[in-house]
Protein backbone atom coordinates (compact mmCIF):
# COMPACT_ATOMS: atom_id res chain seq x y z
CA MET A 1 79.80 -73.57 29.46
CA ASP A 2 80.57 -72.34 32.80
CA ILE A 3 80.12 -75.40 35.21
CA THR A 4 80.11 -74.60 39.02
CA LYS A 5 78.03 -77.38 40.53
CA PRO A 6 77.15 -80.94 39.79
CA THR A 7 76.05 -80.94 36.05
CA LEU A 8 74.78 -83.74 34.00
CA LEU A 9 76.33 -83.65 30.48
CA LEU A 10 74.80 -85.40 27.46
CA ASP A 11 76.96 -86.33 24.51
CA GLU A 12 74.44 -85.82 21.62
CA LYS A 13 76.54 -87.75 19.09
CA LYS A 14 76.86 -90.89 21.21
CA CYS A 15 73.20 -90.77 22.15
CA LYS A 16 72.14 -90.62 18.52
CA LYS A 17 74.52 -93.43 17.62
CA ASN A 18 72.89 -95.71 20.38
CA ILE A 19 69.47 -94.77 19.00
CA GLU A 20 70.44 -95.60 15.48
CA LYS A 21 71.98 -98.83 16.51
CA MET A 22 69.02 -99.95 18.38
CA ILE A 23 66.58 -99.19 15.48
CA SER A 24 68.96 -101.14 13.18
CA ARG A 25 68.93 -104.14 15.50
CA ALA A 26 65.09 -104.06 15.51
CA ASN A 27 64.94 -103.77 11.72
CA GLN A 28 67.45 -106.72 11.56
CA PHE A 29 65.25 -109.08 13.75
CA ASN A 30 61.94 -107.77 12.24
CA CYS A 31 60.83 -106.48 15.54
CA SER A 32 58.86 -103.24 16.21
CA LEU A 33 60.85 -101.00 18.32
CA ARG A 34 58.88 -99.24 21.21
CA PRO A 35 61.64 -97.38 23.10
CA HIS A 36 60.97 -96.81 26.79
CA PHE A 37 61.34 -93.10 27.47
CA LYS A 38 61.70 -93.48 31.31
CA THR A 39 65.47 -93.27 31.06
CA HIS A 40 65.74 -89.84 29.10
CA GLN A 41 62.21 -88.45 30.01
CA SER A 42 63.04 -85.62 27.46
CA ILE A 43 60.92 -84.21 24.54
CA VAL A 44 64.21 -83.34 22.87
CA VAL A 45 65.63 -86.68 22.85
CA ALA A 46 62.28 -88.19 22.13
CA ASN A 47 62.28 -86.08 18.93
CA TRP A 48 65.64 -87.61 17.94
CA PHE A 49 63.85 -90.86 17.88
CA ARG A 50 60.96 -89.44 15.80
CA GLU A 51 63.56 -87.88 13.38
CA LEU A 52 64.49 -91.63 12.63
CA GLY A 53 61.04 -92.82 12.06
CA ILE A 54 59.95 -93.91 15.55
CA THR A 55 56.37 -93.03 16.35
CA GLN A 56 55.54 -95.05 19.37
CA CYS A 57 56.95 -95.40 22.87
CA ALA A 58 56.61 -96.68 26.37
CA VAL A 59 56.51 -94.82 29.51
CA SER A 60 56.44 -95.71 33.22
CA SER A 61 53.47 -93.68 34.43
CA LEU A 62 50.37 -91.91 33.20
CA GLU A 63 51.77 -88.56 34.19
CA MET A 64 54.78 -89.32 31.81
CA ALA A 65 52.29 -90.45 29.13
CA LYS A 66 50.51 -87.02 29.29
CA TYR A 67 53.87 -85.14 29.06
CA PHE A 68 54.75 -87.06 25.88
CA PHE A 69 51.22 -86.78 24.51
CA ASN A 70 51.57 -83.08 24.82
CA ALA A 71 54.74 -83.38 22.66
CA GLY A 72 52.73 -85.19 19.92
CA TRP A 73 53.22 -88.73 20.79
CA THR A 74 50.03 -90.65 20.38
CA ASP A 75 50.94 -94.37 20.67
CA ILE A 76 51.93 -94.98 24.09
CA THR A 77 52.31 -97.95 26.49
CA VAL A 78 52.27 -97.49 30.04
CA ALA A 79 54.73 -100.36 30.99
CA PHE A 80 53.75 -100.51 34.58
CA PRO A 81 50.73 -102.36 36.40
CA LEU A 82 47.56 -100.39 36.07
CA ASN A 83 46.95 -98.20 39.06
CA ILE A 84 43.21 -98.20 39.17
CA LEU A 85 42.96 -95.11 41.39
CA GLU A 86 44.03 -93.21 38.31
CA HIS A 87 40.90 -94.11 36.39
CA THR A 88 40.27 -90.37 35.70
CA SER A 89 43.72 -90.08 33.96
CA VAL A 90 43.19 -93.34 32.11
CA ASN A 91 39.88 -92.16 30.42
CA ASP A 92 41.22 -88.59 29.73
CA LEU A 93 44.31 -90.17 27.76
CA ALA A 94 42.39 -92.89 26.27
CA GLY A 95 39.99 -90.36 24.67
CA LYS A 96 42.80 -88.73 22.86
CA ILE A 97 45.59 -91.28 22.08
CA LYS A 98 46.14 -94.91 21.33
CA LEU A 99 46.79 -95.92 24.96
CA ASN A 100 48.02 -99.25 26.00
CA LEU A 101 47.75 -100.47 29.68
CA CYS A 102 49.24 -103.38 31.57
CA VAL A 103 47.22 -105.65 33.94
CA GLU A 104 48.25 -108.66 36.05
CA SER A 105 45.18 -109.64 38.07
CA LEU A 106 41.64 -110.32 37.49
CA GLU A 107 40.68 -107.84 40.32
CA THR A 108 42.27 -105.06 38.35
CA VAL A 109 40.45 -106.09 35.09
CA LYS A 110 37.11 -106.16 36.88
CA VAL A 111 37.67 -102.45 38.16
CA LEU A 112 38.97 -101.40 34.61
CA ASN A 113 35.76 -102.94 32.97
CA ASP A 114 33.65 -100.81 35.37
CA PHE A 115 35.18 -97.39 34.81
CA LEU A 116 36.73 -97.45 31.21
CA GLU A 117 35.00 -95.12 28.78
CA HIS A 118 37.22 -95.07 25.72
CA PRO A 119 39.03 -97.80 23.72
CA VAL A 120 42.40 -98.94 25.09
CA GLY A 121 44.79 -101.74 24.29
CA VAL A 122 45.75 -104.05 27.24
CA PHE A 123 48.83 -106.18 27.62
CA LEU A 124 49.00 -108.90 30.28
CA LYS A 125 52.19 -108.35 32.32
CA ILE A 126 54.08 -111.54 32.67
CA ASP A 127 56.75 -112.71 35.04
CA ALA A 128 59.11 -114.83 32.76
CA GLY A 129 61.88 -115.19 35.47
CA TYR A 130 62.65 -111.83 36.92
CA HIS A 131 60.26 -112.33 39.99
CA ARG A 132 59.59 -108.49 40.41
CA THR A 133 55.88 -108.60 39.59
CA GLY A 134 53.62 -109.98 36.89
CA LEU A 135 51.75 -113.28 36.13
CA ASP A 136 53.36 -116.50 36.44
CA ALA A 137 54.02 -117.44 32.60
CA GLU A 138 52.99 -120.98 33.30
CA ASN A 139 49.84 -120.33 35.20
CA PHE A 140 47.62 -120.72 32.02
CA ALA A 141 44.36 -121.08 34.11
CA GLU A 142 44.84 -117.58 35.62
CA ILE A 143 45.88 -116.05 32.47
CA GLU A 144 42.94 -117.41 30.71
CA ALA A 145 40.57 -116.19 33.17
CA ILE A 146 41.88 -112.71 32.71
CA LEU A 147 41.72 -112.93 28.92
CA LYS A 148 38.13 -113.76 29.03
CA ALA A 149 37.35 -110.90 31.27
CA LEU A 150 39.05 -108.63 28.98
CA GLU A 151 37.41 -110.00 25.91
CA SER A 152 34.05 -109.32 27.50
CA ASN A 153 34.58 -105.50 27.06
CA HIS A 154 33.99 -104.15 23.65
CA LEU A 155 36.35 -101.24 24.47
CA ILE A 156 39.42 -103.32 25.17
CA THR A 157 41.81 -104.66 22.43
CA ILE A 158 43.89 -107.51 23.82
CA LYS A 159 47.47 -106.76 22.68
CA GLY A 160 49.36 -109.81 24.00
CA PHE A 161 52.00 -110.47 26.72
CA LEU A 162 54.64 -108.02 27.95
CA GLN A 163 57.57 -108.91 30.10
CA HIS A 164 60.75 -107.23 31.52
CA ALA A 165 63.83 -109.57 31.91
CA GLY A 166 65.42 -107.29 34.60
CA HIS A 167 67.49 -110.09 35.88
CA THR A 168 69.93 -109.72 33.01
CA TYR A 169 71.20 -106.65 35.04
CA GLN A 170 72.92 -109.21 37.17
CA ALA A 171 74.38 -110.96 34.32
CA LYS A 172 78.42 -111.22 33.69
CA GLY A 173 78.77 -111.18 30.02
CA LYS A 174 76.97 -111.94 26.91
CA GLN A 175 76.78 -115.70 27.51
CA GLU A 176 74.70 -115.06 30.68
CA ILE A 177 72.61 -112.48 28.97
CA ASP A 178 71.89 -114.90 26.07
CA GLU A 179 70.89 -117.78 28.70
CA ILE A 180 68.40 -115.60 30.37
CA HIS A 181 66.96 -114.37 27.05
CA ALA A 182 66.55 -117.91 25.77
CA TYR A 183 64.88 -118.93 28.90
CA THR A 184 62.54 -115.87 29.07
CA SER A 185 61.86 -116.06 25.35
CA LYS A 186 60.82 -119.63 25.58
CA GLN A 187 58.38 -118.90 28.43
CA MET A 188 56.71 -116.22 26.43
CA ILE A 189 56.63 -118.13 23.13
CA ASN A 190 55.13 -121.09 24.93
CA LEU A 191 52.46 -118.76 26.48
CA LYS A 192 51.54 -117.26 23.10
CA GLU A 193 51.42 -120.74 21.43
CA HIS A 194 49.10 -121.91 24.17
CA PHE A 195 46.53 -119.23 23.37
CA ASN A 196 47.11 -118.91 19.66
CA GLN A 197 44.10 -120.63 18.52
CA GLN A 198 41.75 -118.64 20.77
CA TYR A 199 43.59 -115.37 20.38
CA PRO A 200 45.67 -115.45 17.02
CA ASP A 201 46.86 -111.76 17.12
CA LEU A 202 48.61 -111.74 20.51
CA MET A 203 52.08 -110.19 20.52
CA ILE A 204 55.05 -110.64 22.75
CA SER A 205 56.78 -107.48 23.96
CA ASN A 206 60.28 -107.85 25.61
CA GLY A 207 62.02 -104.89 27.29
CA ASP A 208 65.25 -105.03 28.68
CA THR A 209 68.38 -103.21 27.43
CA PRO A 210 70.99 -106.18 27.88
CA THR A 211 69.19 -108.57 25.64
CA CYS A 212 67.98 -106.13 23.12
CA SER A 213 71.65 -104.79 22.85
CA VAL A 214 73.51 -108.03 22.25
CA SER A 215 71.29 -111.07 21.92
CA ASP A 216 70.63 -112.43 18.53
CA ASP A 217 67.56 -114.75 18.64
CA PHE A 218 64.45 -112.76 18.50
CA GLU A 219 62.48 -115.03 16.32
CA HIS A 220 58.81 -115.12 17.41
CA LEU A 221 59.17 -111.90 19.39
CA ASP A 222 57.21 -108.99 18.08
CA GLU A 223 58.20 -105.89 20.04
CA MET A 224 61.53 -104.51 21.66
CA ARG A 225 60.96 -102.24 24.52
CA PRO A 226 64.43 -101.19 25.87
CA GLY A 227 65.16 -97.78 27.53
CA ASN A 228 68.61 -97.49 29.19
CA PHE A 229 70.30 -98.07 25.83
CA VAL A 230 69.80 -94.36 24.94
CA PHE A 231 72.56 -93.40 27.33
CA TYR A 232 74.00 -96.68 28.76
CA ASP A 233 76.12 -96.56 31.91
CA ILE A 234 78.71 -98.42 34.10
CA MET A 235 76.32 -101.19 34.83
CA GLN A 236 75.52 -101.82 31.26
CA ALA A 237 79.28 -101.66 30.38
CA GLU A 238 80.24 -104.16 33.15
CA ILE A 239 77.30 -106.41 32.07
CA GLY A 240 78.51 -106.44 28.46
CA SER A 241 75.57 -104.58 27.01
CA CYS A 242 77.86 -101.84 25.66
CA GLN A 243 81.37 -100.45 25.56
CA TYR A 244 82.49 -97.62 27.74
CA GLU A 245 82.78 -95.36 24.81
CA ASP A 246 78.98 -95.88 24.17
CA VAL A 247 78.08 -94.18 27.63
CA ALA A 248 76.47 -90.95 26.67
CA VAL A 249 76.03 -89.16 29.97
CA ALA A 250 78.60 -88.00 32.59
CA MET A 251 78.16 -85.90 35.70
CA THR A 252 80.67 -83.26 36.09
CA CYS A 253 81.53 -82.54 39.77
CA PRO A 254 83.88 -79.83 41.42
CA VAL A 255 86.52 -80.91 43.58
CA VAL A 256 85.98 -79.34 46.97
CA ALA A 257 88.72 -81.04 49.31
CA LYS A 258 91.59 -83.39 49.25
CA HIS A 259 92.89 -85.91 51.99
CA ALA A 260 96.26 -87.15 50.83
CA ASP A 261 96.64 -89.43 53.99
CA ARG A 262 93.68 -91.51 52.60
CA ASN A 263 94.19 -90.91 48.92
CA GLU A 264 90.66 -89.36 48.79
CA VAL A 265 89.25 -86.58 46.85
CA ILE A 266 85.92 -84.99 47.86
CA VAL A 267 83.54 -83.59 45.10
CA TYR A 268 80.38 -81.70 45.30
CA GLY A 269 78.17 -84.53 44.08
CA GLY A 270 76.47 -87.06 46.25
CA ALA A 271 73.52 -89.48 46.54
CA VAL A 272 71.07 -86.69 45.67
CA HIS A 273 72.64 -86.57 42.33
CA PHE A 274 73.75 -90.06 41.36
CA SER A 275 71.45 -92.27 43.76
CA LYS A 276 73.15 -94.91 45.72
CA ASP A 277 73.22 -97.71 43.07
CA ARG A 278 76.58 -99.43 43.01
CA ILE A 279 78.47 -102.30 41.54
CA GLU A 280 81.04 -104.62 43.32
CA LYS A 281 84.24 -104.99 41.55
CA ASP A 282 87.56 -106.65 42.66
CA GLY A 283 86.23 -106.66 46.15
CA LYS A 284 85.33 -102.90 46.20
CA ASN A 285 81.98 -101.03 46.15
CA ILE A 286 81.79 -98.59 43.40
CA TYR A 287 79.46 -95.83 42.93
CA GLY A 288 80.84 -94.10 39.87
CA LEU A 289 84.04 -94.18 37.69
CA ILE A 290 85.89 -91.22 36.82
CA ALA A 291 86.43 -90.72 33.01
CA ASP A 292 89.38 -89.27 31.21
CA LYS A 293 88.64 -85.59 30.25
CA LYS A 294 88.81 -84.86 26.65
CA GLU A 295 88.76 -81.60 24.72
CA ASN A 296 85.04 -81.98 23.90
CA GLY A 297 83.58 -84.61 26.35
CA TRP A 298 85.04 -87.67 27.99
CA GLY A 299 86.73 -90.96 27.32
CA ASN A 300 87.06 -94.14 29.03
CA PRO A 301 87.40 -94.58 32.92
CA ILE A 302 90.80 -93.90 34.36
CA ALA A 303 92.25 -96.90 35.93
CA GLY A 304 92.33 -96.83 39.60
CA TRP A 305 89.99 -93.93 39.98
CA PHE A 306 86.45 -94.53 41.54
CA VAL A 307 83.71 -93.25 43.68
CA LYS A 308 84.28 -95.21 46.86
CA LYS A 309 81.45 -93.66 49.05
CA LEU A 310 78.39 -91.25 48.52
CA SER A 311 76.58 -89.28 51.24
CA GLN A 312 73.81 -86.65 50.49
CA GLU A 313 76.01 -84.10 48.89
CA HIS A 314 79.48 -85.53 49.17
CA GLY A 315 81.35 -87.80 46.78
CA THR A 316 84.36 -89.62 48.04
CA ILE A 317 86.87 -90.42 45.30
CA HIS A 318 89.67 -92.83 45.58
CA VAL A 319 92.79 -91.64 43.56
CA PRO A 320 96.02 -93.70 43.21
CA ASP A 321 99.16 -92.20 44.81
CA GLU A 322 100.76 -91.25 41.64
CA ALA A 323 98.03 -89.23 40.39
CA PHE A 324 96.93 -87.55 43.64
CA ASP A 325 98.99 -84.31 43.14
CA GLN A 326 97.47 -83.90 39.79
CA ILE A 327 94.06 -82.89 41.19
CA LYS A 328 93.60 -79.24 42.39
CA ILE A 329 90.67 -77.94 44.38
CA GLY A 330 88.29 -76.43 41.89
CA ASP A 331 88.96 -78.93 39.11
CA LEU A 332 86.03 -80.57 37.56
CA LEU A 333 85.80 -84.32 37.40
CA TYR A 334 83.90 -86.27 34.86
CA ILE A 335 82.09 -89.10 36.52
CA LEU A 336 80.15 -91.94 34.68
CA PRO A 337 76.90 -93.05 36.56
CA ILE A 338 76.26 -96.63 37.69
CA HIS A 339 72.76 -96.14 36.60
CA SER A 340 71.97 -93.43 34.21
CA CYS A 341 68.07 -93.72 34.57
CA LEU A 342 68.13 -92.88 38.21
CA THR A 343 70.95 -90.14 37.87
CA ALA A 344 68.98 -88.56 34.96
CA ASN A 345 65.77 -88.58 37.04
CA LEU A 346 67.36 -86.89 40.02
CA MET A 347 69.13 -84.17 37.99
CA SER A 348 66.00 -83.25 36.08
CA LYS A 349 67.88 -81.63 33.14
CA TYR A 350 70.96 -82.16 30.85
CA TYR A 351 73.31 -79.95 29.01
CA THR A 352 74.74 -80.81 25.69
CA LEU A 353 78.54 -80.54 25.24
CA ASP A 354 77.86 -77.29 23.36
CA GLY A 355 75.99 -75.91 26.36
CA HIS A 356 72.45 -76.37 25.20
CA GLU A 357 69.91 -77.05 28.14
CA ILE A 358 67.55 -79.98 27.87
CA GLU A 359 64.74 -80.01 30.33
CA MET A 360 63.07 -83.23 31.38
CA PHE A 361 59.69 -84.39 32.68
CA ARG A 362 58.95 -83.61 36.23
CA TYR A 363 56.12 -85.15 38.35
CA PRO A 364 53.65 -82.34 39.23
CA SER A 365 53.84 -81.33 42.78
């Protein structure tokens, strides 16, 4: 493949291995796996799941749900608080597939009850410690009021409680991931037990990649809903969710300039390609790591090489003295992204290592 500009490469073998491993973990813990497709956003990658027996998924929007419905997916959870302004889309999809929605307020449920025309499943979105959004897991009175309002509508099946422990993304190692997992799981289990007598079929859906990748205690949890694991990235490797050899995507960027006095190499590849997500390591802000180029793909990060700054189209790479002269203008560098979800979304397509183009979902203009 002739690469001339920033190009996102996908290692199919690594990706499929990540999928197989997560399916194995879900089976090990007797959990249903509902992978979140917001990371890859691709029919092709979705089919790799289907080939291994996965028939349900989660998405982050109704538009994305339509995209995967058109590819044959008919059991979809929109794992985002219901936007009541999209009532037409809700009714259109609910008339065609097994659609699950998320709610977190009585106000939303009242509007849903007024416009709903077809059966849907509904999860209550719970805040079990992340504090991004969701119902307080200990506010039983508010949760009960919402459950009763949902129960009054014969078109609604109450599915259970759904949460995302996104604060694991700030963890440093398996111990911290496990501590967060233990706390959020306890919150969700207590909630289910409180309402079990009234609603015996409620399920718990947990959805972050770090806990689903490395934690071991999923007793009483019913559904795993990770997404990032399909590709992983620098953030996940640094957290301890994976090893660097598991990272299944890398951006290839052409070298366009060199500045020996600053030990800086400039690549064509900036914030519009990577986003501006970063990690802090050894007192430095890092926006990407340069991987060792292999005959067919890439290896682990090269010690001392990192993306130190991003502007719109420019990427500034720090290169150690002893390696600086190895780099020539026109070379291609393989850069691992900090956050593969955002990088993939910005690029809108991948190329496999054998040059096959894989298109992604795009929001209608």
